[in-house]
Protein backbone atom coordinates (compact mmCIF):
# COMPACT_ATOMS: atom_id res chain seq x y z
CA MET A 1 140.41 184.75 11.35
CA LYS A 2 141.17 188.45 11.02
CA PRO A 3 138.91 191.10 12.52
CA PRO A 4 136.73 192.92 9.96
CA CYS A 5 138.36 196.29 10.60
CA GLU A 6 141.79 194.86 9.84
CA LEU A 7 140.58 193.73 6.42
CA SER A 8 138.91 197.09 5.87
CA VAL A 9 142.09 199.02 6.61
CA LYS A 10 144.15 196.79 4.36
CA PHE A 11 141.80 196.60 1.38
CA ILE A 12 138.67 198.75 1.52
CA LEU A 13 140.05 202.03 2.84
CA PRO A 14 142.81 202.30 0.21
CA ALA A 15 140.26 201.60 -2.53
CA ILE A 16 137.89 204.24 -1.17
CA ARG A 17 140.70 206.78 -0.88
CA LEU A 18 141.78 205.97 -4.43
CA LEU A 19 138.30 206.58 -5.81
CA ILE A 20 137.75 209.82 -3.88
CA ALA A 21 141.23 211.11 -4.69
CA LYS A 22 140.76 210.45 -8.40
CA LYS A 23 137.40 212.22 -8.33
CA LEU A 24 138.82 215.24 -6.45
CA ILE A 25 141.78 215.53 -8.81
CA GLU A 26 140.01 214.86 -12.10
CA LYS A 27 136.65 216.56 -11.54
CA TYR A 28 137.45 219.27 -9.00
CA ASN A 29 141.06 220.07 -9.97
CA PHE A 30 142.52 219.34 -6.53
CA THR A 31 146.26 218.93 -6.26
CA GLN A 32 147.63 215.70 -4.84
CA THR A 33 148.56 217.63 -1.69
CA SER A 34 145.10 219.10 -1.16
CA ALA A 35 143.45 215.74 -1.86
CA ALA A 36 145.82 214.11 0.63
CA LYS A 37 144.89 216.63 3.30
CA ALA A 38 141.17 216.04 2.72
CA LEU A 39 141.63 212.27 2.88
CA GLY A 40 143.91 212.27 5.90
CA THR A 41 146.86 210.75 4.10
CA THR A 42 150.08 211.83 2.43
CA GLN A 43 150.80 213.22 -1.02
CA ALA A 44 152.94 210.14 -1.66
CA ALA A 45 149.96 207.88 -0.95
CA ILE A 46 147.83 209.90 -3.36
CA SER A 47 150.55 209.49 -5.99
CA HIS A 48 150.42 205.73 -5.47
CA TYR A 49 146.62 205.81 -5.79
CA THR A 50 146.64 207.86 -8.98
CA HIS A 51 149.25 205.60 -10.56
CA SER A 52 147.25 202.50 -9.60
CA LYS A 53 149.93 201.16 -7.28
CA ARG A 54 147.68 201.00 -4.25
CA GLY A 55 143.98 200.23 -3.81
CA TRP A 56 143.15 199.61 -7.47
CA LYS A 57 142.30 195.92 -7.23
CA LEU A 58 139.20 196.39 -5.14
CA ALA A 59 138.36 199.89 -6.43
CA GLU A 60 137.14 198.61 -9.77
CA ARG A 61 134.77 196.15 -8.10
CA LEU A 62 133.54 198.69 -5.56
CA MET A 63 132.64 201.23 -8.27
CA LYS A 64 130.19 198.71 -9.70
CA MET A 65 128.16 198.98 -6.48
CA ASP A 66 125.54 201.74 -6.59
CA GLY A 67 125.95 202.65 -2.93
CA VAL A 68 129.70 203.02 -3.25
CA ARG A 69 129.51 205.13 -6.42
CA GLU A 70 126.99 207.41 -4.74
CA PHE A 71 129.16 207.69 -1.61
CA ILE A 72 132.23 208.59 -3.68
CA GLU A 73 130.35 211.22 -5.70
CA LYS A 74 128.73 212.85 -2.66
CA THR A 75 131.88 212.81 -0.56
CA ALA A 76 134.03 214.34 -3.29
CA GLU A 77 131.37 216.97 -3.96
CA ARG A 78 131.09 217.86 -0.27
CA ILE A 79 134.87 218.13 0.10
CA ALA A 80 135.15 220.26 -3.05
CA ALA A 81 132.36 222.55 -1.86
CA SER A 82 134.15 222.93 1.50
CA GLU A 83 131.12 221.51 3.30
CA VAL A 84 133.43 219.11 5.10
CA GLN A 85 137.17 219.19 5.70
CA SER A 86 137.61 215.43 5.50
CA ILE A 87 135.72 212.16 5.26
CA ASP A 88 133.42 211.40 8.17
CA VAL A 89 134.69 208.37 10.07
CA LEU A 90 131.18 207.04 10.63
CA ASP A 91 130.48 207.15 6.90
CA ILE A 92 133.60 205.10 6.26
CA CYS A 93 132.60 202.56 8.90
CA GLN A 94 129.16 202.17 7.35
CA LEU A 95 130.63 201.82 3.87
CA CYS A 96 133.14 199.23 5.09
CA LYS A 97 130.35 197.14 6.57
CA ILE A 98 128.53 197.17 3.26
CA THR A 99 131.60 196.26 1.22
CA GLN A 100 133.33 193.72 3.48
CA LYS A 101 131.73 190.78 1.73
CA TYR A 102 133.57 191.76 -1.47
CA VAL A 103 136.96 191.52 0.23
CA ASN A 104 136.44 187.82 0.83
CA GLU A 105 135.57 187.04 -2.81
């Protein structure tokens, strides 16, 4: 049995980054580099996200969850408005707890 955080890092975090990156790029006109900086990842990872090479499998299912959609919208808005420099780790942990059951489906 794998620890929950290991599953989150492998599946949930890439899906969350994908959704936030897409929102930042499409709605707020961020570059891949600026989105990468805000998400604590690389421009190459953002390129993979935007071309659906990483994180896309779970992302579609997560966006059907009201709490996840709201989190993505608010986080992207806060980053775009320069209210925060990056995603709050505690917010990610809370979101992972909520979504972990979907990883096992």
